[in-house]
All heavy atoms as atom14 arrays in JSON, in Angstrom:
{
  "sequence": "WYRQAPGKQRELVAAISRGGIAKYKDSVKGRFTVSRDNAKNTVSLQ",
  "atom14_mask": [
    [1, 1, 1, 1, 1, 1, 1, 1, 1, 1, 1, 1, 1, 1],
    [1, 1, 1, 1, 1, 1, 1, 1, 1, 1, 1, 1, 0, 0],
    [1, 1, 1, 1, 1, 1, 1, 1, 1, 1, 1, 0, 0, 0],
    [1, 1, 1, 1, 1, 1, 1, 1, 1, 0, 0, 0, 0, 0],
    [1, 1, 1, 1, 1, 0, 0, 0, 0, 0, 0, 0, 0, 0],
    [1, 1, 1, 1, 1, 1, 1, 0, 0, 0, 0, 0, 0, 0],
    [1, 1, 1, 1, 0, 0, 0, 0, 0, 0, 0, 0, 0, 0],
    [1, 1, 1, 1, 1, 1, 1, 1, 1, 0, 0, 0, 0, 0],
    [1, 1, 1, 1, 1, 1, 1, 1, 1, 0, 0, 0, 0, 0],
    [1, 1, 1, 1, 1, 1, 1, 1, 1, 1, 1, 0, 0, 0],
    [1, 1, 1, 1, 1, 1, 1, 1, 1, 0, 0, 0, 0, 0],
    [1, 1, 1, 1, 1, 1, 1, 1, 0, 0, 0, 0, 0, 0],
    [1, 1, 1, 1, 1, 1, 1, 0, 0, 0, 0, 0, 0, 0],
    [1, 1, 1, 1, 1, 0, 0, 0, 0, 0, 0, 0, 0, 0],
    [1, 1, 1, 1, 1, 0, 0, 0, 0, 0, 0, 0, 0, 0],
    [1, 1, 1, 1, 1, 1, 1, 1, 0, 0, 0, 0, 0, 0],
    [1, 1, 1, 1, 1, 1, 0, 0, 0, 0, 0, 0, 0, 0],
    [1, 1, 1, 1, 1, 1, 1, 1, 1, 1, 1, 0, 0, 0],
    [1, 1, 1, 1, 0, 0, 0, 0, 0, 0, 0, 0, 0, 0],
    [1, 1, 1, 1, 0, 0, 0, 0, 0, 0, 0, 0, 0, 0],
    [1, 1, 1, 1, 1, 1, 1, 1, 0, 0, 0, 0, 0, 0],
    [1, 1, 1, 1, 1, 0, 0, 0, 0, 0, 0, 0, 0, 0],
    [1, 1, 1, 1, 1, 1, 1, 1, 1, 0, 0, 0, 0, 0],
    [1, 1, 1, 1, 1, 1, 1, 1, 1, 1, 1, 1, 0, 0],
    [1, 1, 1, 1, 1, 1, 1, 1, 1, 0, 0, 0, 0, 0],
    [1, 1, 1, 1, 1, 1, 1, 1, 0, 0, 0, 0, 0, 0],
    [1, 1, 1, 1, 1, 1, 0, 0, 0, 0, 0, 0, 0, 0],
    [1, 1, 1, 1, 1, 1, 1, 0, 0, 0, 0, 0, 0, 0],
    [1, 1, 1, 1, 1, 1, 1, 1, 1, 0, 0, 0, 0, 0],
    [1, 1, 1, 1, 0, 0, 0, 0, 0, 0, 0, 0, 0, 0],
    [1, 1, 1, 1, 1, 1, 1, 1, 1, 1, 1, 0, 0, 0],
    [1, 1, 1, 1, 1, 1, 1, 1, 1, 1, 1, 0, 0, 0],
    [1, 1, 1, 1, 1, 1, 1, 0, 0, 0, 0, 0, 0, 0],
    [1, 1, 1, 1, 1, 1, 1, 0, 0, 0, 0, 0, 0, 0],
    [1, 1, 1, 1, 1, 1, 0, 0, 0, 0, 0, 0, 0, 0],
    [1, 1, 1, 1, 1, 1, 1, 1, 1, 1, 1, 0, 0, 0],
    [1, 1, 1, 1, 1, 1, 1, 1, 0, 0, 0, 0, 0, 0],
    [1, 1, 1, 1, 1, 1, 1, 1, 0, 0, 0, 0, 0, 0],
    [1, 1, 1, 1, 1, 0, 0, 0, 0, 0, 0, 0, 0, 0],
    [1, 1, 1, 1, 1, 1, 1, 1, 1, 0, 0, 0, 0, 0],
    [1, 1, 1, 1, 1, 1, 1, 1, 0, 0, 0, 0, 0, 0],
    [1, 1, 1, 1, 1, 1, 1, 0, 0, 0, 0, 0, 0, 0],
    [1, 1, 1, 1, 1, 1, 1, 0, 0, 0, 0, 0, 0, 0],
    [1, 1, 1, 1, 1, 1, 0, 0, 0, 0, 0, 0, 0, 0],
    [1, 1, 1, 1, 1, 1, 1, 1, 0, 0, 0, 0, 0, 0],
    [1, 1, 1, 1, 1, 1, 1, 1, 1, 0, 0, 0, 0, 0]
  ],
  "atom14_positions": [
    [[5.98, 83.19, 115.37], [5.53, 81.86, 115.72], [6.56, 81.26, 116.7], [7.82, 81.34, 116.54], [5.48, 80.99, 114.51], [4.44, 81.36, 113.52], [4.59, 82.41, 112.45], [3.09, 81.01, 113.48], [3.3, 82.52, 111.87], [2.44, 81.67, 112.46], [2.47, 80.01, 114.26], [1.09, 81.37, 112.08], [1.07, 79.72, 113.93], [0.41, 80.43, 112.89]],
    [[6.04, 80.64, 117.69], [6.88, 79.78, 118.65], [6.29, 78.3, 118.56], [5.19, 78.0, 118.04], [6.63, 80.33, 120.06], [7.27, 81.61, 120.27], [6.77, 82.85, 119.79], [8.42, 81.72, 121.24], [7.43, 84.0, 120.0], [9.05, 82.95, 121.39], [8.46, 84.05, 120.85], [9.15, 85.29, 121.07], [0.0, 0.0, 0.0], [0.0, 0.0, 0.0]],
    [[7.1, 77.44, 119.11], [6.65, 75.97, 119.1], [7.09, 75.32, 120.36], [8.0, 75.76, 120.96], [7.3, 75.25, 117.84], [8.67, 75.07, 117.87], [9.11, 74.42, 116.55], [10.52, 74.11, 116.38], [11.19, 73.74, 115.34], [10.48, 73.51, 114.29], [12.53, 73.43, 115.4], [0.0, 0.0, 0.0], [0.0, 0.0, 0.0], [0.0, 0.0, 0.0]],
    [[6.39, 74.38, 120.71], [6.72, 73.58, 121.9], [6.43, 72.08, 121.64], [5.25, 71.71, 121.38], [5.84, 74.09, 123.14], [6.25, 73.46, 124.41], [5.64, 74.07, 125.65], [4.57, 74.78, 125.48], [6.32, 74.06, 126.73], [0.0, 0.0, 0.0], [0.0, 0.0, 0.0], [0.0, 0.0, 0.0], [0.0, 0.0, 0.0], [0.0, 0.0, 0.0]],
    [[7.61, 71.28, 121.7], [7.46, 69.8, 121.52], [7.13, 69.22, 123.01], [7.53, 69.9, 124.0], [8.76, 69.34, 120.94], [0.0, 0.0, 0.0], [0.0, 0.0, 0.0], [0.0, 0.0, 0.0], [0.0, 0.0, 0.0], [0.0, 0.0, 0.0], [0.0, 0.0, 0.0], [0.0, 0.0, 0.0], [0.0, 0.0, 0.0], [0.0, 0.0, 0.0]],
    [[6.73, 67.98, 122.96], [6.37, 67.34, 124.23], [7.71, 67.28, 125.14], [8.71, 66.88, 124.76], [5.94, 65.99, 123.87], [5.36, 66.17, 122.4], [6.16, 67.15, 121.9], [0.0, 0.0, 0.0], [0.0, 0.0, 0.0], [0.0, 0.0, 0.0], [0.0, 0.0, 0.0], [0.0, 0.0, 0.0], [0.0, 0.0, 0.0], [0.0, 0.0, 0.0]],
    [[7.53, 67.77, 126.39], [8.69, 67.82, 127.29], [9.69, 68.7, 127.06], [10.69, 68.78, 127.8], [0.0, 0.0, 0.0], [0.0, 0.0, 0.0], [0.0, 0.0, 0.0], [0.0, 0.0, 0.0], [0.0, 0.0, 0.0], [0.0, 0.0, 0.0], [0.0, 0.0, 0.0], [0.0, 0.0, 0.0], [0.0, 0.0, 0.0], [0.0, 0.0, 0.0]],
    [[9.48, 69.7, 126.18], [10.36, 70.69, 125.76], [9.86, 72.1, 126.13], [8.73, 72.34, 126.31], [10.9, 70.66, 124.21], [11.48, 69.31, 123.85], [12.78, 69.16, 124.41], [13.48, 67.93, 123.81], [14.92, 67.81, 124.29], [0.0, 0.0, 0.0], [0.0, 0.0, 0.0], [0.0, 0.0, 0.0], [0.0, 0.0, 0.0], [0.0, 0.0, 0.0]],
    [[10.86, 73.04, 126.11], [10.5, 74.51, 126.43], [10.12, 75.12, 125.11], [10.54, 74.8, 124.02], [11.74, 75.12, 126.87], [11.53, 76.56, 127.45], [12.78, 77.29, 128.04], [13.97, 76.88, 127.61], [12.66, 77.96, 129.0], [0.0, 0.0, 0.0], [0.0, 0.0, 0.0], [0.0, 0.0, 0.0], [0.0, 0.0, 0.0], [0.0, 0.0, 0.0]],
    [[9.23, 75.96, 125.26], [8.7, 76.75, 124.11], [9.87, 77.55, 123.47], [10.64, 78.23, 124.34], [7.46, 77.65, 124.45], [6.83, 78.37, 123.26], [5.51, 79.17, 123.74], [4.56, 78.24, 124.28], [3.36, 78.68, 124.54], [3.02, 79.88, 124.37], [2.52, 77.76, 125.08], [0.0, 0.0, 0.0], [0.0, 0.0, 0.0], [0.0, 0.0, 0.0]],
    [[9.97, 77.56, 122.21], [11.04, 78.3, 121.58], [10.57, 79.12, 120.36], [9.56, 78.76, 119.71], [12.11, 77.31, 121.1], [11.54, 76.32, 120.08], [12.69, 75.31, 119.53], [13.77, 75.32, 120.13], [12.39, 74.44, 118.71], [0.0, 0.0, 0.0], [0.0, 0.0, 0.0], [0.0, 0.0, 0.0], [0.0, 0.0, 0.0], [0.0, 0.0, 0.0]],
    [[11.34, 80.19, 120.04], [11.01, 80.96, 118.95], [11.28, 80.31, 117.71], [12.39, 79.73, 117.48], [11.74, 82.32, 119.03], [11.75, 83.17, 117.77], [10.3, 83.89, 117.62], [12.71, 84.29, 117.9], [0.0, 0.0, 0.0], [0.0, 0.0, 0.0], [0.0, 0.0, 0.0], [0.0, 0.0, 0.0], [0.0, 0.0, 0.0], [0.0, 0.0, 0.0]],
    [[10.48, 80.35, 116.66], [10.71, 79.8, 115.39], [10.94, 80.83, 114.39], [11.97, 80.75, 113.62], [9.51, 78.91, 114.91], [9.66, 78.34, 113.54], [9.2, 77.75, 115.9], [0.0, 0.0, 0.0], [0.0, 0.0, 0.0], [0.0, 0.0, 0.0], [0.0, 0.0, 0.0], [0.0, 0.0, 0.0], [0.0, 0.0, 0.0], [0.0, 0.0, 0.0]],
    [[10.1, 81.8, 114.32], [10.31, 82.87, 113.38], [9.5, 84.14, 113.84], [8.37, 83.91, 114.39], [9.89, 82.58, 111.94], [0.0, 0.0, 0.0], [0.0, 0.0, 0.0], [0.0, 0.0, 0.0], [0.0, 0.0, 0.0], [0.0, 0.0, 0.0], [0.0, 0.0, 0.0], [0.0, 0.0, 0.0], [0.0, 0.0, 0.0], [0.0, 0.0, 0.0]],
    [[10.02, 85.36, 113.53], [9.19, 86.53, 113.9], [9.48, 87.52, 112.81], [10.49, 87.47, 112.1], [9.63, 87.1, 115.28], [0.0, 0.0, 0.0], [0.0, 0.0, 0.0], [0.0, 0.0, 0.0], [0.0, 0.0, 0.0], [0.0, 0.0, 0.0], [0.0, 0.0, 0.0], [0.0, 0.0, 0.0], [0.0, 0.0, 0.0], [0.0, 0.0, 0.0]],
    [[8.53, 88.5, 112.71], [8.72, 89.59, 111.59], [8.14, 90.88, 112.21], [7.18, 90.91, 112.89], [7.95, 89.02, 110.39], [8.1, 90.19, 109.24], [6.45, 88.86, 110.71], [7.67, 89.58, 107.93], [0.0, 0.0, 0.0], [0.0, 0.0, 0.0], [0.0, 0.0, 0.0], [0.0, 0.0, 0.0], [0.0, 0.0, 0.0], [0.0, 0.0, 0.0]],
    [[8.99, 91.89, 111.98], [8.63, 93.25, 112.4], [7.56, 93.82, 111.47], [7.28, 93.33, 110.38], [9.78, 94.1, 112.39], [10.24, 94.44, 111.1], [0.0, 0.0, 0.0], [0.0, 0.0, 0.0], [0.0, 0.0, 0.0], [0.0, 0.0, 0.0], [0.0, 0.0, 0.0], [0.0, 0.0, 0.0], [0.0, 0.0, 0.0], [0.0, 0.0, 0.0]],
    [[7.0, 94.96, 111.93], [5.93, 95.66, 111.06], [6.58, 96.05, 109.71], [5.85, 96.03, 108.68], [5.42, 96.89, 111.67], [4.37, 97.72, 111.01], [3.92, 98.91, 111.73], [3.12, 98.49, 112.97], [2.7, 99.37, 113.79], [2.81, 100.72, 113.6], [2.03, 98.95, 114.96], [0.0, 0.0, 0.0], [0.0, 0.0, 0.0], [0.0, 0.0, 0.0]],
    [[7.86, 96.37, 109.66], [8.49, 96.73, 108.43], [9.0, 95.61, 107.54], [9.5, 95.76, 106.51], [0.0, 0.0, 0.0], [0.0, 0.0, 0.0], [0.0, 0.0, 0.0], [0.0, 0.0, 0.0], [0.0, 0.0, 0.0], [0.0, 0.0, 0.0], [0.0, 0.0, 0.0], [0.0, 0.0, 0.0], [0.0, 0.0, 0.0], [0.0, 0.0, 0.0]],
    [[8.67, 94.37, 108.05], [9.05, 93.17, 107.2], [10.35, 92.48, 107.51], [10.79, 91.72, 106.66], [0.0, 0.0, 0.0], [0.0, 0.0, 0.0], [0.0, 0.0, 0.0], [0.0, 0.0, 0.0], [0.0, 0.0, 0.0], [0.0, 0.0, 0.0], [0.0, 0.0, 0.0], [0.0, 0.0, 0.0], [0.0, 0.0, 0.0], [0.0, 0.0, 0.0]],
    [[11.1, 92.95, 108.51], [12.35, 92.31, 108.82], [12.1, 91.02, 109.62], [11.43, 90.98, 110.7], [13.26, 93.25, 109.55], [13.59, 94.55, 108.82], [14.61, 92.52, 109.97], [14.29, 95.58, 109.52], [0.0, 0.0, 0.0], [0.0, 0.0, 0.0], [0.0, 0.0, 0.0], [0.0, 0.0, 0.0], [0.0, 0.0, 0.0], [0.0, 0.0, 0.0]],
    [[12.65, 89.91, 109.19], [12.28, 88.65, 109.75], [13.51, 88.08, 110.39], [14.66, 88.2, 110.11], [11.86, 87.63, 108.69], [0.0, 0.0, 0.0], [0.0, 0.0, 0.0], [0.0, 0.0, 0.0], [0.0, 0.0, 0.0], [0.0, 0.0, 0.0], [0.0, 0.0, 0.0], [0.0, 0.0, 0.0], [0.0, 0.0, 0.0], [0.0, 0.0, 0.0]],
    [[13.37, 87.26, 111.44], [14.42, 86.46, 112.07], [13.94, 85.07, 112.28], [12.76, 84.83, 112.39], [14.79, 87.08, 113.36], [13.69, 87.22, 114.39], [14.13, 87.92, 115.69], [13.06, 88.06, 116.68], [13.47, 88.82, 117.87], [0.0, 0.0, 0.0], [0.0, 0.0, 0.0], [0.0, 0.0, 0.0], [0.0, 0.0, 0.0], [0.0, 0.0, 0.0]],
    [[14.91, 84.13, 112.39], [14.52, 82.66, 112.34], [15.47, 81.93, 113.16], [16.65, 82.29, 113.56], [14.65, 81.97, 110.97], [13.81, 82.61, 109.89], [14.23, 83.62, 109.1], [12.48, 82.09, 109.71], [13.38, 84.09, 108.19], [11.73, 82.53, 108.71], [12.1, 83.66, 107.99], [11.34, 84.13, 106.95], [0.0, 0.0, 0.0], [0.0, 0.0, 0.0]],
    [[14.93, 80.9, 113.9], [15.71, 79.9, 114.56], [16.63, 79.23, 113.56], [16.35, 79.01, 112.33], [14.83, 78.8, 115.11], [15.52, 77.61, 115.87], [14.57, 76.65, 116.44], [15.18, 75.44, 117.08], [16.03, 75.79, 118.06], [0.0, 0.0, 0.0], [0.0, 0.0, 0.0], [0.0, 0.0, 0.0], [0.0, 0.0, 0.0], [0.0, 0.0, 0.0]],
    [[17.93, 79.04, 113.97], [18.86, 78.54, 113.01], [18.49, 77.27, 112.2], [18.78, 77.12, 111.01], [20.21, 78.25, 113.75], [20.96, 79.57, 114.13], [20.62, 80.66, 113.57], [21.89, 79.54, 115.0], [0.0, 0.0, 0.0], [0.0, 0.0, 0.0], [0.0, 0.0, 0.0], [0.0, 0.0, 0.0], [0.0, 0.0, 0.0], [0.0, 0.0, 0.0]],
    [[17.83, 76.43, 112.9], [17.52, 75.1, 112.35], [16.42, 75.13, 111.32], [16.18, 74.24, 110.55], [17.09, 74.05, 113.4], [15.91, 74.46, 114.11], [0.0, 0.0, 0.0], [0.0, 0.0, 0.0], [0.0, 0.0, 0.0], [0.0, 0.0, 0.0], [0.0, 0.0, 0.0], [0.0, 0.0, 0.0], [0.0, 0.0, 0.0], [0.0, 0.0, 0.0]],
    [[15.76, 76.28, 111.17], [14.73, 76.35, 110.11], [15.08, 77.34, 109.01], [14.32, 77.41, 108.14], [13.31, 76.81, 110.78], [12.9, 75.93, 112.0], [13.27, 78.37, 111.14], [0.0, 0.0, 0.0], [0.0, 0.0, 0.0], [0.0, 0.0, 0.0], [0.0, 0.0, 0.0], [0.0, 0.0, 0.0], [0.0, 0.0, 0.0], [0.0, 0.0, 0.0]],
    [[16.15, 77.94, 109.14], [16.6, 78.86, 108.13], [16.71, 78.21, 106.78], [17.38, 77.17, 106.7], [18.02, 79.6, 108.46], [17.85, 80.56, 109.61], [19.19, 81.1, 109.92], [19.04, 82.14, 111.07], [20.37, 82.74, 111.45], [0.0, 0.0, 0.0], [0.0, 0.0, 0.0], [0.0, 0.0, 0.0], [0.0, 0.0, 0.0], [0.0, 0.0, 0.0]],
    [[16.1, 78.8, 105.72], [16.22, 78.21, 104.4], [15.13, 77.36, 104.12], [14.85, 76.9, 102.96], [0.0, 0.0, 0.0], [0.0, 0.0, 0.0], [0.0, 0.0, 0.0], [0.0, 0.0, 0.0], [0.0, 0.0, 0.0], [0.0, 0.0, 0.0], [0.0, 0.0, 0.0], [0.0, 0.0, 0.0], [0.0, 0.0, 0.0], [0.0, 0.0, 0.0]],
    [[14.38, 76.94, 105.09], [13.17, 76.13, 104.96], [11.9, 76.81, 105.32], [10.78, 76.4, 104.64], [13.32, 74.82, 105.89], [14.54, 73.93, 105.55], [14.55, 72.64, 106.42], [14.6, 72.93, 107.85], [13.59, 72.46, 108.67], [12.55, 71.81, 108.28], [13.72, 72.72, 109.97], [0.0, 0.0, 0.0], [0.0, 0.0, 0.0], [0.0, 0.0, 0.0]],
    [[11.82, 77.67, 106.26], [10.65, 78.29, 106.66], [10.66, 79.79, 106.22], [11.76, 80.34, 106.19], [10.48, 78.32, 108.17], [10.22, 76.93, 108.78], [10.27, 75.77, 108.07], [9.83, 76.87, 110.17], [10.07, 74.46, 108.66], [9.65, 75.64, 110.69], [9.75, 74.39, 109.97], [0.0, 0.0, 0.0], [0.0, 0.0, 0.0], [0.0, 0.0, 0.0]],
    [[9.45, 80.36, 106.0], [9.32, 81.74, 105.69], [8.19, 82.34, 106.33], [7.03, 81.79, 106.27], [9.18, 81.97, 104.13], [10.33, 81.34, 103.39], [9.09, 83.43, 103.74], [0.0, 0.0, 0.0], [0.0, 0.0, 0.0], [0.0, 0.0, 0.0], [0.0, 0.0, 0.0], [0.0, 0.0, 0.0], [0.0, 0.0, 0.0], [0.0, 0.0, 0.0]],
    [[8.43, 83.37, 107.02], [7.28, 84.15, 107.77], [6.91, 85.36, 107.04], [7.8, 85.99, 106.43], [7.75, 84.44, 109.25], [9.02, 85.36, 109.23], [6.59, 84.98, 110.03], [0.0, 0.0, 0.0], [0.0, 0.0, 0.0], [0.0, 0.0, 0.0], [0.0, 0.0, 0.0], [0.0, 0.0, 0.0], [0.0, 0.0, 0.0], [0.0, 0.0, 0.0]],
    [[5.67, 85.71, 106.97], [5.17, 86.83, 106.35], [4.02, 87.37, 107.15], [3.44, 86.69, 107.92], [4.8, 86.53, 104.86], [3.77, 85.53, 104.81], [0.0, 0.0, 0.0], [0.0, 0.0, 0.0], [0.0, 0.0, 0.0], [0.0, 0.0, 0.0], [0.0, 0.0, 0.0], [0.0, 0.0, 0.0], [0.0, 0.0, 0.0], [0.0, 0.0, 0.0]],
    [[3.62, 88.66, 106.84], [2.51, 89.18, 107.48], [1.7, 90.26, 106.62], [2.32, 90.78, 105.58], [2.98, 89.96, 108.8], [3.86, 91.18, 108.57], [4.32, 91.65, 109.88], [3.4, 92.43, 110.62], [3.6, 92.9, 111.85], [4.74, 92.87, 112.44], [2.57, 93.63, 112.42], [0.0, 0.0, 0.0], [0.0, 0.0, 0.0], [0.0, 0.0, 0.0]],
    [[0.47, 90.48, 107.0], [-0.23, 91.5, 106.31], [-0.8, 92.43, 107.38], [-1.65, 92.19, 108.24], [-1.6, 90.94, 105.58], [-2.34, 91.91, 104.78], [-2.31, 93.06, 105.17], [-2.92, 91.43, 103.75], [0.0, 0.0, 0.0], [0.0, 0.0, 0.0], [0.0, 0.0, 0.0], [0.0, 0.0, 0.0], [0.0, 0.0, 0.0], [0.0, 0.0, 0.0]],
    [[-0.15, 93.61, 107.51], [-0.46, 94.57, 108.52], [-1.88, 95.06, 108.68], [-2.49, 95.26, 109.65], [0.46, 95.78, 108.41], [1.94, 95.42, 108.71], [2.26, 94.45, 109.35], [2.89, 96.23, 108.1], [0.0, 0.0, 0.0], [0.0, 0.0, 0.0], [0.0, 0.0, 0.0], [0.0, 0.0, 0.0], [0.0, 0.0, 0.0], [0.0, 0.0, 0.0]],
    [[-2.52, 95.25, 107.36], [-3.87, 95.7, 107.32], [-4.85, 94.73, 107.82], [-5.88, 95.08, 108.35], [-4.17, 96.15, 105.87], [0.0, 0.0, 0.0], [0.0, 0.0, 0.0], [0.0, 0.0, 0.0], [0.0, 0.0, 0.0], [0.0, 0.0, 0.0], [0.0, 0.0, 0.0], [0.0, 0.0, 0.0], [0.0, 0.0, 0.0], [0.0, 0.0, 0.0]],
    [[-4.5, 93.43, 107.66], [-5.45, 92.38, 108.12], [-5.12, 91.77, 109.48], [-5.79, 90.88, 109.94], [-5.49, 91.28, 107.04], [-6.06, 91.76, 105.71], [-6.1, 90.57, 104.77], [-6.72, 91.01, 103.44], [-6.73, 89.91, 102.49], [0.0, 0.0, 0.0], [0.0, 0.0, 0.0], [0.0, 0.0, 0.0], [0.0, 0.0, 0.0], [0.0, 0.0, 0.0]],
    [[-4.0, 92.15, 110.09], [-3.49, 91.64, 111.36], [-3.35, 90.16, 111.3], [-3.76, 89.4, 112.21], [-4.61, 92.05, 112.55], [-4.3, 93.35, 113.22], [-3.55, 94.11, 112.65], [-4.92, 93.51, 114.38], [0.0, 0.0, 0.0], [0.0, 0.0, 0.0], [0.0, 0.0, 0.0], [0.0, 0.0, 0.0], [0.0, 0.0, 0.0], [0.0, 0.0, 0.0]],
    [[-2.68, 89.77, 110.24], [-2.32, 88.38, 110.02], [-0.91, 88.04, 109.92], [-0.15, 88.91, 109.41], [-3.1, 87.73, 108.75], [-2.59, 88.41, 107.64], [-4.51, 87.97, 108.95], [0.0, 0.0, 0.0], [0.0, 0.0, 0.0], [0.0, 0.0, 0.0], [0.0, 0.0, 0.0], [0.0, 0.0, 0.0], [0.0, 0.0, 0.0], [0.0, 0.0, 0.0]],
    [[-0.56, 86.88, 110.17], [0.92, 86.42, 110.06], [0.81, 84.96, 109.71], [0.05, 84.22, 110.05], [1.65, 86.61, 111.31], [1.23, 85.76, 112.42], [3.14, 86.3, 111.08], [0.0, 0.0, 0.0], [0.0, 0.0, 0.0], [0.0, 0.0, 0.0], [0.0, 0.0, 0.0], [0.0, 0.0, 0.0], [0.0, 0.0, 0.0], [0.0, 0.0, 0.0]],
    [[1.73, 84.64, 108.7], [1.72, 83.27, 108.2], [3.19, 82.61, 108.31], [4.12, 83.41, 108.26], [1.32, 83.23, 106.73], [-0.02, 83.61, 106.57], [0.0, 0.0, 0.0], [0.0, 0.0, 0.0], [0.0, 0.0, 0.0], [0.0, 0.0, 0.0], [0.0, 0.0, 0.0], [0.0, 0.0, 0.0], [0.0, 0.0, 0.0], [0.0, 0.0, 0.0]],
    [[3.29, 81.26, 108.28], [4.46, 80.59, 108.2], [4.47, 79.5, 107.26], [3.68, 78.41, 107.48], [4.8, 80.03, 109.7], [6.17, 79.31, 109.88], [7.28, 80.35, 109.77], [6.19, 78.66, 111.2], [0.0, 0.0, 0.0], [0.0, 0.0, 0.0], [0.0, 0.0, 0.0], [0.0, 0.0, 0.0], [0.0, 0.0, 0.0], [0.0, 0.0, 0.0]],
    [[5.15, 79.64, 106.2], [5.24, 78.63, 105.14], [6.44, 77.72, 105.6], [7.63, 78.23, 105.75], [5.65, 79.26, 103.7], [5.79, 78.17, 102.68], [4.51, 77.51, 102.37], [3.51, 78.07, 102.34], [4.68, 76.16, 102.27], [0.0, 0.0, 0.0], [0.0, 0.0, 0.0], [0.0, 0.0, 0.0], [0.0, 0.0, 0.0], [0.0, 0.0, 0.0]]
  ]
}
C-alpha cells in the first residue's frame, strides 16, 4: 500500500512479500498491519 496526501508525493505505507515478510513506514509501525492471501491475490491493511 502507498498513499498520497494533497500536494504531497506518493509514499510507501506497508508492503509484504509472498513469504509474509512485511515492512512499514516508520510513522505507522505499531499501528498498521499488512497481510495477504496468495491464493486469492488479495492484500489488506488494518
